[in-house]
N, C-alpha and C. Protein backbone atom coordinates (compact mmCIF):
# COMPACT_ATOMS: atom_id res chain seq x y z
N MET A 1 0.85 -1.22 0.02
CA MET A 1 -0.01 -0.02 0.01
C MET A 1 0.88 1.24 0.02
N LYS A 2 1.92 1.26 0.87
CA LYS A 2 2.81 2.45 0.93
C LYS A 2 3.50 2.66 -0.42
N PHE A 3 3.91 1.49 -1.04
CA PHE A 3 4.60 1.63 -2.35
C PHE A 3 3.74 2.29 -3.39
N PHE A 4 2.41 1.83 -3.44
CA PHE A 4 1.54 2.40 -4.42
C PHE A 4 1.23 3.89 -4.19
N ARG A 5 1.16 4.23 -2.91
CA ARG A 5 0.89 5.63 -2.52
C ARG A 5 2.09 6.44 -2.91
N PHE A 6 3.31 5.91 -2.68
CA PHE A 6 4.51 6.60 -3.05
C PHE A 6 4.59 6.79 -4.58
N LEU A 7 4.24 5.74 -5.30
CA LEU A 7 4.29 5.80 -6.76
C LEU A 7 3.25 6.82 -7.28
N PHE A 8 2.10 6.84 -6.67
CA PHE A 8 1.05 7.74 -7.09
C PHE A 8 1.50 9.21 -6.87
N VAL A 9 2.10 9.47 -5.73
CA VAL A 9 2.61 10.86 -5.45
C VAL A 9 3.67 11.25 -6.45
N CYS A 10 4.57 10.29 -6.72
CA CYS A 10 5.65 10.64 -7.67
C CYS A 10 5.07 10.88 -9.07
N LEU A 11 4.10 10.12 -9.44
CA LEU A 11 3.46 10.37 -10.80
C LEU A 11 2.81 11.71 -10.83
N LEU A 12 2.06 12.06 -9.76
CA LEU A 12 1.42 13.38 -9.74
C LEU A 12 2.49 14.48 -9.78
N LEU A 13 3.57 14.34 -9.04
CA LEU A 13 4.59 15.33 -9.06
C LEU A 13 5.26 15.43 -10.45
N ASN A 14 5.48 14.28 -11.10
CA ASN A 14 6.05 14.30 -12.43
C ASN A 14 5.08 14.94 -13.44
N LEU A 15 3.85 14.65 -13.37
CA LEU A 15 2.87 15.29 -14.24
C LEU A 15 2.82 16.77 -14.02
N PHE A 16 2.85 17.16 -12.75
CA PHE A 16 2.80 18.59 -12.42
C PHE A 16 3.98 19.33 -13.01
N LEU A 17 5.18 18.75 -12.82
CA LEU A 17 6.36 19.41 -13.34
C LEU A 17 6.38 19.38 -14.88
N THR A 18 5.97 18.29 -15.48
CA THR A 18 5.96 18.15 -16.93
C THR A 18 5.00 19.16 -17.53
N GLY A 19 3.85 19.38 -16.84
CA GLY A 19 2.87 20.39 -17.38
C GLY A 19 3.46 21.74 -17.37
N PHE A 20 4.19 22.08 -16.33
CA PHE A 20 4.76 23.42 -16.27
C PHE A 20 5.88 23.60 -17.33
N ASP A 21 6.65 22.50 -17.49
CA ASP A 21 7.73 22.55 -18.46
C ASP A 21 7.13 22.77 -19.87
N ALA A 22 6.04 22.16 -20.16
CA ALA A 22 5.45 22.22 -21.49
C ALA A 22 5.09 23.64 -21.85
N PHE A 23 4.71 24.45 -20.86
CA PHE A 23 4.38 25.83 -21.08
C PHE A 23 5.51 26.79 -20.79
N GLY A 24 6.62 26.23 -20.41
CA GLY A 24 7.81 27.11 -20.13
C GLY A 24 7.59 27.93 -18.89
N GLN A 25 6.83 27.51 -17.92
CA GLN A 25 6.51 28.32 -16.76
C GLN A 25 7.12 27.80 -15.48
N SER A 26 7.79 26.67 -15.57
CA SER A 26 8.22 26.05 -14.30
C SER A 26 9.45 26.75 -13.70
N LYS A 27 9.37 26.95 -12.42
CA LYS A 27 10.50 27.48 -11.71
C LYS A 27 10.43 26.79 -10.36
N VAL A 28 11.28 25.75 -10.16
CA VAL A 28 11.17 24.90 -9.00
C VAL A 28 12.30 25.12 -8.03
N ALA A 29 12.00 25.03 -6.75
CA ALA A 29 13.03 25.16 -5.69
C ALA A 29 12.79 24.05 -4.71
N SER A 30 13.80 23.77 -3.91
CA SER A 30 13.68 22.74 -2.89
C SER A 30 14.04 23.38 -1.53
N VAL A 31 13.52 22.81 -0.48
CA VAL A 31 13.83 23.31 0.83
C VAL A 31 13.80 22.12 1.80
N ASP A 32 14.77 22.16 2.75
CA ASP A 32 14.90 21.12 3.76
C ASP A 32 14.11 21.61 5.01
N MET A 33 12.87 21.09 5.15
CA MET A 33 12.02 21.50 6.24
C MET A 33 12.61 21.08 7.62
N ARG A 34 13.32 19.98 7.60
CA ARG A 34 13.93 19.53 8.84
C ARG A 34 14.99 20.53 9.32
N LYS A 35 15.83 20.98 8.43
CA LYS A 35 16.88 21.94 8.73
C LYS A 35 16.25 23.29 9.17
N LEU A 36 15.19 23.66 8.45
CA LEU A 36 14.52 24.90 8.86
C LEU A 36 13.95 24.80 10.28
N PHE A 37 13.34 23.71 10.56
CA PHE A 37 12.72 23.52 11.89
C PHE A 37 13.81 23.49 13.00
N ASN A 38 14.83 22.73 12.74
CA ASN A 38 15.90 22.59 13.78
C ASN A 38 16.76 23.88 13.90
N GLY A 39 16.86 24.62 12.82
CA GLY A 39 17.67 25.81 12.81
C GLY A 39 16.96 27.09 13.20
N TYR A 40 15.62 27.02 13.31
CA TYR A 40 14.78 28.19 13.63
C TYR A 40 15.01 28.53 15.09
N TYR A 41 15.31 29.82 15.42
CA TYR A 41 15.59 30.17 16.78
C TYR A 41 14.41 29.97 17.70
N LYS A 42 13.21 30.11 17.18
CA LYS A 42 12.02 29.89 18.01
C LYS A 42 11.86 28.44 18.45
N THR A 43 12.40 27.55 17.62
CA THR A 43 12.43 26.15 18.00
C THR A 43 13.29 25.95 19.29
N LYS A 44 14.41 26.59 19.30
CA LYS A 44 15.27 26.50 20.49
C LYS A 44 14.60 27.09 21.70
N LEU A 45 13.91 28.19 21.52
CA LEU A 45 13.18 28.83 22.64
C LEU A 45 12.05 27.88 23.15
N ALA A 46 11.35 27.27 22.21
CA ALA A 46 10.26 26.38 22.57
C ALA A 46 10.79 25.14 23.34
N GLU A 47 11.92 24.60 22.83
CA GLU A 47 12.53 23.48 23.49
C GLU A 47 13.01 23.82 24.91
N ASP A 48 13.52 25.05 25.06
CA ASP A 48 13.98 25.49 26.38
C ASP A 48 12.76 25.60 27.34
N LEU A 49 11.64 26.10 26.87
CA LEU A 49 10.42 26.17 27.71
C LEU A 49 9.96 24.77 28.10
N LEU A 50 9.96 23.87 27.13
CA LEU A 50 9.54 22.47 27.40
C LEU A 50 10.50 21.80 28.35
N ASP A 51 11.78 22.08 28.29
CA ASP A 51 12.72 21.49 29.19
C ASP A 51 12.52 21.97 30.61
N LYS A 52 12.18 23.24 30.73
CA LYS A 52 11.90 23.83 32.05
C LYS A 52 10.66 23.19 32.61
N ASP A 53 9.64 22.99 31.79
CA ASP A 53 8.38 22.34 32.28
C ASP A 53 8.66 20.94 32.70
N LYS A 54 9.54 20.22 31.93
CA LYS A 54 9.86 18.84 32.31
C LYS A 54 10.61 18.81 33.63
N ALA A 55 11.56 19.76 33.82
CA ALA A 55 12.31 19.77 35.06
C ALA A 55 11.39 20.01 36.27
N LEU A 56 10.43 20.94 36.12
CA LEU A 56 9.48 21.24 37.21
C LEU A 56 8.61 20.02 37.47
N ASP A 57 8.11 19.38 36.39
CA ASP A 57 7.31 18.19 36.60
C ASP A 57 8.10 17.09 37.30
N ARG A 58 9.37 16.88 36.88
CA ARG A 58 10.14 15.85 37.55
C ARG A 58 10.37 16.16 39.04
N LYS A 59 10.52 17.45 39.36
CA LYS A 59 10.72 17.89 40.74
C LYS A 59 9.47 17.55 41.54
N ASN A 60 8.31 17.91 40.96
CA ASN A 60 7.07 17.66 41.68
C ASN A 60 6.74 16.18 41.84
N LEU A 61 7.06 15.39 40.87
CA LEU A 61 6.84 13.96 40.93
C LEU A 61 7.81 13.34 41.93
N LYS A 62 9.02 13.84 42.02
CA LYS A 62 10.00 13.30 42.99
C LYS A 62 9.53 13.64 44.41
N GLU A 63 9.01 14.81 44.64
CA GLU A 63 8.54 15.24 45.92
C GLU A 63 7.39 14.31 46.39
N MET A 64 6.49 14.00 45.41
CA MET A 64 5.33 13.13 45.74
C MET A 64 5.85 11.70 46.02
N ALA A 65 6.79 11.28 45.26
CA ALA A 65 7.38 9.93 45.44
C ALA A 65 8.12 9.86 46.84
N ASP A 66 8.80 10.86 47.17
CA ASP A 66 9.55 10.93 48.47
C ASP A 66 8.55 10.88 49.61
N GLN A 67 7.40 11.56 49.46
CA GLN A 67 6.42 11.57 50.52
C GLN A 67 5.80 10.19 50.67
N ILE A 68 5.59 9.47 49.57
CA ILE A 68 5.03 8.14 49.67
C ILE A 68 6.04 7.21 50.37
N THR A 69 7.31 7.39 49.98
CA THR A 69 8.37 6.51 50.61
C THR A 69 8.41 6.77 52.14
N ALA A 70 8.29 8.00 52.54
CA ALA A 70 8.34 8.36 53.95
C ALA A 70 7.11 7.76 54.66
N ALA A 71 5.95 7.90 54.00
CA ALA A 71 4.69 7.36 54.59
C ALA A 71 4.81 5.79 54.71
N GLN A 72 5.39 5.17 53.75
CA GLN A 72 5.60 3.71 53.84
C GLN A 72 6.52 3.32 55.03
N ALA A 73 7.56 4.17 55.22
CA ALA A 73 8.40 3.89 56.38
C ALA A 73 7.66 4.08 57.68
N ASP A 74 6.81 5.09 57.77
CA ASP A 74 5.94 5.31 58.97
C ASP A 74 4.97 4.14 59.16
N TYR A 75 4.46 3.67 58.06
CA TYR A 75 3.50 2.51 58.13
C TYR A 75 4.19 1.28 58.69
N GLN A 76 5.43 1.02 58.19
CA GLN A 76 6.14 -0.10 58.66
C GLN A 76 6.46 0.02 60.22
N HIS A 77 6.81 1.22 60.57
CA HIS A 77 7.08 1.47 62.02
C HIS A 77 5.80 1.22 62.84
N LEU A 78 4.69 1.65 62.36
CA LEU A 78 3.43 1.38 63.09
C LEU A 78 3.09 -0.10 63.18
N LEU A 79 3.41 -0.83 62.14
CA LEU A 79 3.19 -2.25 62.20
C LEU A 79 4.08 -2.93 63.21
N ASP A 80 5.36 -2.49 63.29
CA ASP A 80 6.24 -3.01 64.28
C ASP A 80 5.75 -2.73 65.69
N GLN A 81 5.23 -1.57 65.86
CA GLN A 81 4.71 -1.23 67.17
C GLN A 81 3.46 -2.03 67.54
N ALA A 82 2.63 -2.25 66.53
CA ALA A 82 1.41 -3.02 66.76
C ALA A 82 1.65 -4.46 67.18
N ASN A 83 2.84 -4.93 66.79
CA ASN A 83 3.22 -6.33 67.14
C ASN A 83 4.10 -6.40 68.37
N ASP A 84 4.34 -5.29 68.97
CA ASP A 84 5.17 -5.25 70.15
C ASP A 84 4.32 -5.64 71.40
N GLN A 85 4.68 -6.85 71.91
CA GLN A 85 3.89 -7.40 73.03
C GLN A 85 4.12 -6.64 74.32
N ALA A 86 5.13 -5.80 74.34
CA ALA A 86 5.36 -4.99 75.58
C ALA A 86 4.42 -3.89 75.73
N ILE A 87 3.61 -3.59 74.64
CA ILE A 87 2.61 -2.56 74.65
C ILE A 87 1.27 -3.18 75.01
N SER A 88 0.44 -2.46 75.71
CA SER A 88 -0.88 -2.93 76.17
C SER A 88 -1.72 -3.22 74.90
N ASP A 89 -2.74 -4.07 75.12
CA ASP A 89 -3.62 -4.43 74.00
C ASP A 89 -4.37 -3.20 73.50
N ASP A 90 -4.77 -2.35 74.44
CA ASP A 90 -5.50 -1.17 74.02
C ASP A 90 -4.65 -0.23 73.15
N SER A 91 -3.37 -0.10 73.55
CA SER A 91 -2.42 0.74 72.78
C SER A 91 -2.18 0.12 71.41
N ARG A 92 -2.06 -1.23 71.38
CA ARG A 92 -1.81 -1.87 70.08
C ARG A 92 -2.98 -1.72 69.13
N GLN A 93 -4.23 -1.76 69.65
CA GLN A 93 -5.37 -1.55 68.85
C GLN A 93 -5.41 -0.13 68.21
N LYS A 94 -4.98 0.82 69.03
CA LYS A 94 -4.95 2.18 68.55
C LYS A 94 -3.90 2.36 67.42
N ILE A 95 -2.75 1.66 67.67
CA ILE A 95 -1.66 1.70 66.71
C ILE A 95 -2.06 1.03 65.38
N LYS A 96 -2.80 -0.10 65.53
CA LYS A 96 -3.29 -0.79 64.31
C LYS A 96 -4.21 0.04 63.53
N GLN A 97 -5.07 0.82 64.23
CA GLN A 97 -5.95 1.74 63.55
C GLN A 97 -5.16 2.85 62.83
N SER A 98 -4.15 3.30 63.51
CA SER A 98 -3.28 4.32 62.86
C SER A 98 -2.58 3.77 61.65
N ALA A 99 -2.15 2.50 61.75
CA ALA A 99 -1.53 1.85 60.63
C ALA A 99 -2.48 1.69 59.45
N ALA A 100 -3.73 1.40 59.75
CA ALA A 100 -4.76 1.25 58.69
C ALA A 100 -4.99 2.56 58.05
N ASP A 101 -5.05 3.65 58.85
CA ASP A 101 -5.20 4.96 58.29
C ASP A 101 -4.07 5.37 57.40
N LYS A 102 -2.88 4.99 57.88
CA LYS A 102 -1.67 5.32 57.15
C LYS A 102 -1.62 4.54 55.78
N ALA A 103 -2.12 3.29 55.82
CA ALA A 103 -2.18 2.51 54.58
C ALA A 103 -3.11 3.12 53.58
N GLN A 104 -4.25 3.61 54.05
CA GLN A 104 -5.21 4.29 53.19
C GLN A 104 -4.64 5.59 52.61
N GLN A 105 -3.91 6.27 53.44
CA GLN A 105 -3.21 7.50 52.97
C GLN A 105 -2.18 7.22 51.85
N ILE A 106 -1.47 6.10 52.02
CA ILE A 106 -0.47 5.70 51.06
C ILE A 106 -1.15 5.38 49.72
N ASN A 107 -2.30 4.59 49.80
CA ASN A 107 -3.02 4.21 48.60
C ASN A 107 -3.57 5.45 47.89
N ASP A 108 -4.04 6.43 48.69
CA ASP A 108 -4.56 7.68 48.08
C ASP A 108 -3.43 8.45 47.42
N SER A 109 -2.26 8.47 48.06
CA SER A 109 -1.11 9.21 47.54
C SER A 109 -0.65 8.55 46.26
N LYS A 110 -0.60 7.21 46.22
CA LYS A 110 -0.17 6.52 45.03
C LYS A 110 -1.17 6.83 43.83
N ALA A 111 -2.45 6.81 44.14
CA ALA A 111 -3.44 7.14 43.13
C ALA A 111 -3.25 8.56 42.60
N ALA A 112 -3.02 9.50 43.52
CA ALA A 112 -2.78 10.93 43.13
C ALA A 112 -1.50 11.04 42.27
N PHE A 113 -0.49 10.25 42.71
CA PHE A 113 0.79 10.25 41.90
C PHE A 113 0.53 9.80 40.50
N ASP A 114 -0.15 8.67 40.31
CA ASP A 114 -0.43 8.13 39.00
C ASP A 114 -1.27 9.07 38.16
N LYS A 115 -2.25 9.67 38.82
CA LYS A 115 -3.08 10.65 38.03
C LYS A 115 -2.33 11.87 37.63
N PHE A 116 -1.49 12.39 38.54
CA PHE A 116 -0.63 13.55 38.24
C PHE A 116 0.35 13.24 37.09
N GLN A 117 0.93 12.03 37.14
CA GLN A 117 1.87 11.64 36.12
C GLN A 117 1.20 11.52 34.72
N ARG A 118 -0.01 11.04 34.67
CA ARG A 118 -0.74 10.94 33.43
C ARG A 118 -1.09 12.34 32.93
N GLU A 119 -1.48 13.22 33.83
CA GLU A 119 -1.84 14.61 33.40
C GLU A 119 -0.57 15.31 32.89
N VAL A 120 0.56 15.09 33.56
CA VAL A 120 1.77 15.75 33.11
C VAL A 120 2.15 15.27 31.71
N GLU A 121 2.09 14.00 31.45
CA GLU A 121 2.43 13.45 30.15
C GLU A 121 1.48 13.98 29.09
N SER A 122 0.17 14.00 29.39
CA SER A 122 -0.81 14.50 28.44
C SER A 122 -0.61 15.99 28.09
N THR A 123 -0.38 16.77 29.18
CA THR A 123 -0.15 18.21 29.04
C THR A 123 1.07 18.48 28.23
N LEU A 124 2.15 17.75 28.48
CA LEU A 124 3.39 17.94 27.78
C LEU A 124 3.26 17.59 26.31
N GLU A 125 2.54 16.46 26.03
CA GLU A 125 2.31 16.06 24.65
C GLU A 125 1.50 17.14 23.87
N ASP A 126 0.45 17.59 24.55
CA ASP A 126 -0.44 18.64 23.89
C ASP A 126 0.39 19.92 23.67
N LYS A 127 1.19 20.31 24.64
CA LYS A 127 1.98 21.54 24.48
C LYS A 127 3.00 21.40 23.37
N THR A 128 3.62 20.17 23.30
CA THR A 128 4.64 19.92 22.25
C THR A 128 3.98 20.00 20.87
N GLN A 129 2.83 19.35 20.73
CA GLN A 129 2.16 19.35 19.40
C GLN A 129 1.73 20.72 19.06
N ARG A 130 1.24 21.52 20.02
CA ARG A 130 0.80 22.88 19.72
C ARG A 130 1.95 23.80 19.31
N MET A 131 3.09 23.68 20.06
CA MET A 131 4.25 24.48 19.69
C MET A 131 4.79 24.08 18.33
N THR A 132 4.87 22.75 18.08
CA THR A 132 5.37 22.27 16.82
C THR A 132 4.53 22.74 15.68
N GLY A 133 3.17 22.66 15.87
CA GLY A 133 2.25 23.09 14.83
C GLY A 133 2.40 24.59 14.49
N ASN A 134 2.55 25.39 15.55
CA ASN A 134 2.73 26.82 15.32
C ASN A 134 4.07 27.13 14.61
N LEU A 135 5.12 26.42 15.01
CA LEU A 135 6.42 26.64 14.37
C LEU A 135 6.37 26.24 12.88
N VAL A 136 5.78 25.08 12.61
CA VAL A 136 5.72 24.62 11.26
C VAL A 136 4.89 25.57 10.36
N SER A 137 3.85 26.11 10.99
CA SER A 137 3.05 27.07 10.21
C SER A 137 3.79 28.32 9.85
N GLU A 138 4.60 28.84 10.84
CA GLU A 138 5.48 30.00 10.55
C GLU A 138 6.49 29.68 9.51
N ILE A 139 7.08 28.50 9.56
CA ILE A 139 8.07 28.11 8.59
C ILE A 139 7.45 28.01 7.19
N GLN A 140 6.30 27.39 7.12
CA GLN A 140 5.62 27.20 5.86
C GLN A 140 5.27 28.56 5.25
N GLN A 141 4.87 29.52 6.14
CA GLN A 141 4.54 30.88 5.65
C GLN A 141 5.77 31.52 5.08
N ALA A 142 6.94 31.33 5.75
CA ALA A 142 8.16 31.96 5.29
C ALA A 142 8.57 31.34 3.93
N VAL A 143 8.40 30.08 3.79
CA VAL A 143 8.70 29.38 2.51
C VAL A 143 7.79 29.89 1.44
N SER A 144 6.49 30.05 1.80
CA SER A 144 5.55 30.59 0.81
C SER A 144 5.90 31.97 0.35
N ASP A 145 6.25 32.85 1.32
CA ASP A 145 6.65 34.18 1.01
C ASP A 145 7.87 34.23 0.10
N LYS A 146 8.87 33.37 0.41
CA LYS A 146 10.09 33.33 -0.41
C LYS A 146 9.75 32.81 -1.80
N ALA A 147 8.88 31.83 -1.91
CA ALA A 147 8.51 31.25 -3.19
C ALA A 147 7.84 32.28 -4.05
N LYS A 148 6.90 33.06 -3.45
CA LYS A 148 6.19 34.08 -4.22
C LYS A 148 7.13 35.17 -4.66
N LEU A 149 8.04 35.56 -3.77
CA LEU A 149 9.00 36.63 -4.09
C LEU A 149 9.93 36.18 -5.18
N GLY A 150 10.36 34.89 -5.16
CA GLY A 150 11.29 34.41 -6.14
C GLY A 150 10.60 33.86 -7.38
N GLY A 151 9.26 33.89 -7.46
CA GLY A 151 8.56 33.43 -8.63
C GLY A 151 8.60 31.95 -8.83
N TYR A 152 8.71 31.17 -7.76
CA TYR A 152 8.76 29.71 -7.87
C TYR A 152 7.34 29.15 -8.04
N SER A 153 7.22 28.25 -9.00
CA SER A 153 5.88 27.60 -9.20
C SER A 153 5.72 26.44 -8.24
N LEU A 154 6.83 25.85 -7.74
CA LEU A 154 6.77 24.67 -6.87
C LEU A 154 7.96 24.68 -5.94
N VAL A 155 7.73 24.34 -4.67
CA VAL A 155 8.84 24.18 -3.69
C VAL A 155 8.62 22.78 -3.12
N VAL A 156 9.63 21.93 -3.29
CA VAL A 156 9.53 20.52 -2.75
C VAL A 156 10.37 20.43 -1.50
N ASN A 157 9.93 19.54 -0.63
CA ASN A 157 10.64 19.32 0.64
C ASN A 157 11.73 18.25 0.44
N SER A 158 12.98 18.66 0.42
CA SER A 158 14.04 17.71 0.07
C SER A 158 14.33 16.75 1.27
N SER A 159 13.76 17.02 2.45
CA SER A 159 13.98 16.13 3.58
C SER A 159 12.95 15.03 3.67
N SER A 160 11.99 15.04 2.70
CA SER A 160 10.95 14.02 2.68
C SER A 160 11.31 12.93 1.65
N SER A 161 11.72 11.80 2.08
CA SER A 161 12.19 10.79 1.15
C SER A 161 11.01 10.12 0.42
N GLU A 162 9.82 10.35 0.89
CA GLU A 162 8.60 9.75 0.28
C GLU A 162 8.28 10.43 -1.07
N VAL A 163 8.75 11.64 -1.25
CA VAL A 163 8.41 12.42 -2.50
C VAL A 163 9.63 12.75 -3.33
N VAL A 164 10.69 13.20 -2.68
CA VAL A 164 11.85 13.72 -3.39
C VAL A 164 12.93 12.64 -3.47
N VAL A 165 13.29 12.25 -4.69
CA VAL A 165 14.37 11.31 -4.89
C VAL A 165 15.74 12.06 -5.03
N TYR A 166 15.73 13.21 -5.69
CA TYR A 166 16.92 13.98 -5.87
C TYR A 166 16.52 15.44 -5.97
N ALA A 167 17.31 16.30 -5.36
CA ALA A 167 17.12 17.78 -5.48
C ALA A 167 18.47 18.42 -5.62
N SER A 168 18.64 19.16 -6.67
CA SER A 168 19.92 19.81 -6.94
C SER A 168 20.16 20.92 -5.93
N PRO A 169 21.41 21.02 -5.41
CA PRO A 169 21.73 22.12 -4.49
C PRO A 169 21.46 23.46 -5.07
N ASP A 170 21.47 23.57 -6.42
CA ASP A 170 21.33 24.85 -7.11
C ASP A 170 19.93 25.49 -6.88
N ILE A 171 18.96 24.59 -6.61
CA ILE A 171 17.60 25.11 -6.42
C ILE A 171 17.15 25.17 -4.92
N ASP A 172 18.09 24.93 -4.07
CA ASP A 172 17.81 24.87 -2.60
C ASP A 172 17.79 26.26 -2.01
N ILE A 173 16.61 26.62 -1.36
CA ILE A 173 16.51 27.95 -0.82
C ILE A 173 16.43 27.88 0.74
N THR A 174 16.88 26.75 1.30
CA THR A 174 16.79 26.59 2.74
C THR A 174 17.52 27.69 3.51
N ALA A 175 18.79 27.96 3.10
CA ALA A 175 19.61 28.96 3.81
C ALA A 175 18.99 30.33 3.78
N SER A 176 18.41 30.73 2.67
CA SER A 176 17.83 32.06 2.56
C SER A 176 16.58 32.14 3.41
N VAL A 177 15.76 31.14 3.39
CA VAL A 177 14.55 31.13 4.24
C VAL A 177 14.93 31.11 5.69
N LEU A 178 15.88 30.31 6.09
CA LEU A 178 16.31 30.26 7.47
C LEU A 178 16.91 31.58 7.93
N SER A 179 17.58 32.26 7.08
CA SER A 179 18.16 33.59 7.39
C SER A 179 17.06 34.59 7.73
N GLU A 180 15.97 34.50 6.91
CA GLU A 180 14.83 35.43 7.20
C GLU A 180 14.08 35.04 8.46
N LEU A 181 13.92 33.74 8.72
CA LEU A 181 13.28 33.29 9.93
C LEU A 181 14.01 33.80 11.16
N ASN A 182 15.31 33.74 11.08
CA ASN A 182 16.13 34.09 12.27
C ASN A 182 16.56 35.57 12.29
N ALA A 183 15.96 36.36 11.39
CA ALA A 183 16.32 37.79 11.32
C ALA A 183 16.00 38.51 12.67
N GLY A 184 14.98 38.08 13.33
CA GLY A 184 14.55 38.73 14.56
C GLY A 184 14.99 38.00 15.83
N ALA A 185 15.95 37.08 15.67
CA ALA A 185 16.34 36.28 16.83
C ALA A 185 17.11 37.13 17.85
N PRO A 186 16.88 36.90 19.18
CA PRO A 186 17.69 37.59 20.17
C PRO A 186 19.13 37.19 20.11
N GLU A 187 20.01 37.94 20.76
CA GLU A 187 21.39 37.69 20.67
C GLU A 187 21.79 36.32 21.29
N VAL A 188 21.06 35.99 22.39
CA VAL A 188 21.33 34.73 23.04
C VAL A 188 20.08 33.85 22.97
N VAL A 189 20.21 32.69 22.37
CA VAL A 189 19.09 31.72 22.25
C VAL A 189 19.50 30.46 22.98
N PRO A 190 18.72 30.00 23.96
CA PRO A 190 19.08 28.78 24.67
C PRO A 190 19.28 27.60 23.74
N GLY A 191 20.39 26.89 23.95
CA GLY A 191 20.67 25.71 23.16
C GLY A 191 21.23 25.96 21.78
N ALA A 192 21.31 27.24 21.40
CA ALA A 192 21.82 27.52 20.04
C ALA A 192 23.36 27.48 20.04
N ASP A 193 23.96 27.11 18.90
CA ASP A 193 25.31 27.06 18.74
C ASP A 193 25.90 28.51 18.62
N SER A 194 26.76 28.88 19.56
CA SER A 194 27.29 30.22 19.57
C SER A 194 28.05 30.57 18.28
N THR A 195 28.74 29.55 17.80
CA THR A 195 29.53 29.74 16.54
C THR A 195 28.64 30.04 15.35
N ALA A 196 27.52 29.24 15.35
CA ALA A 196 26.57 29.47 14.25
C ALA A 196 25.89 30.80 14.38
N SER A 197 25.62 31.19 15.62
CA SER A 197 24.97 32.49 15.83
C SER A 197 25.90 33.64 15.38
N ALA A 198 27.16 33.47 15.69
CA ALA A 198 28.11 34.49 15.33
C ALA A 198 28.24 34.57 13.79
N THR A 199 28.29 33.41 13.14
CA THR A 199 28.36 33.37 11.72
C THR A 199 27.15 34.04 11.11
N SER A 200 25.97 33.68 11.70
CA SER A 200 24.76 34.29 11.14
C SER A 200 24.79 35.78 11.30
N ALA A 201 25.28 36.29 12.45
CA ALA A 201 25.34 37.72 12.71
C ALA A 201 26.23 38.36 11.69
N ASN A 202 27.39 37.76 11.46
CA ASN A 202 28.36 38.35 10.49
C ASN A 202 27.75 38.33 9.10
N THR A 203 27.03 37.28 8.78
CA THR A 203 26.40 37.22 7.45
C THR A 203 25.43 38.34 7.22
N ASN A 204 24.53 38.52 8.30
CA ASN A 204 23.54 39.61 8.29
C ASN A 204 24.20 40.97 8.14
N ALA A 205 25.34 41.15 8.88
CA ALA A 205 26.02 42.41 8.80
C ALA A 205 26.57 42.67 7.45
N SER A 206 27.15 41.60 6.79
CA SER A 206 27.71 41.70 5.48
C SER A 206 26.59 42.02 4.47
N ASN A 207 25.47 41.44 4.64
CA ASN A 207 24.34 41.67 3.74
C ASN A 207 23.84 43.09 3.85
N THR A 208 23.81 43.64 5.09
CA THR A 208 23.39 44.97 5.32
C THR A 208 24.38 45.95 4.69
N ASN A 209 25.65 45.67 4.81
CA ASN A 209 26.68 46.54 4.25
C ASN A 209 26.59 46.51 2.70
N ALA A 210 26.24 45.32 2.17
CA ALA A 210 26.14 45.22 0.74
C ALA A 210 24.98 46.04 0.20
N VAL A 211 23.87 46.06 0.99
CA VAL A 211 22.73 46.87 0.55
C VAL A 211 23.01 48.40 0.68
N ASN A 212 23.64 48.72 1.79
CA ASN A 212 23.93 50.20 1.99
C ASN A 212 25.06 50.70 1.09
N HIS A 213 25.94 49.79 0.66
CA HIS A 213 27.08 50.25 -0.12
C HIS A 213 27.17 49.35 -1.35
N PRO A 214 26.36 49.63 -2.36
CA PRO A 214 26.37 48.78 -3.60
C PRO A 214 27.69 48.84 -4.39
């Protein structure tokens, strides 16, 4: 099934390109969406926010787990006391009741822990999907703007092996799109390569000088 779907997409792409070539209107470019996504400064910012959320969730889960461990130790201590024959029967009965209450508390805490863990995982997944969707939309818009400005009839994703078999470097516009995406990036981006940032800054400066001094 996947092979036939792949073949169908390739045939459509071939017909599309052939149709444009027949009228002499085709101007095709390729772009690596994976590189754009990974190189976009907002991706680094989003990943930093997600990492901070993960760290806070791990901290909260650890605190809950530590409380359960402490309660289990208290429960065991109560059991030991309840079996101490040196204590009166009345006292042992009271201790047994305390142990039963502690056991219920532990069960409730475990249920709360499991529920919170599921909520954390669900919230993180939703937030990740939402951030990814927003970033991809911004990148697609930047590619669309670049394609319209450059007069391209078609832009193919060179990082998608299901559609693109070969894309010449001569038609690749990844670098120019990424440069525009990162034009408004702050000087310091969490997780970004400082060397790459410096290179990007120098490139932008050179481009500015070239525009101001033809």
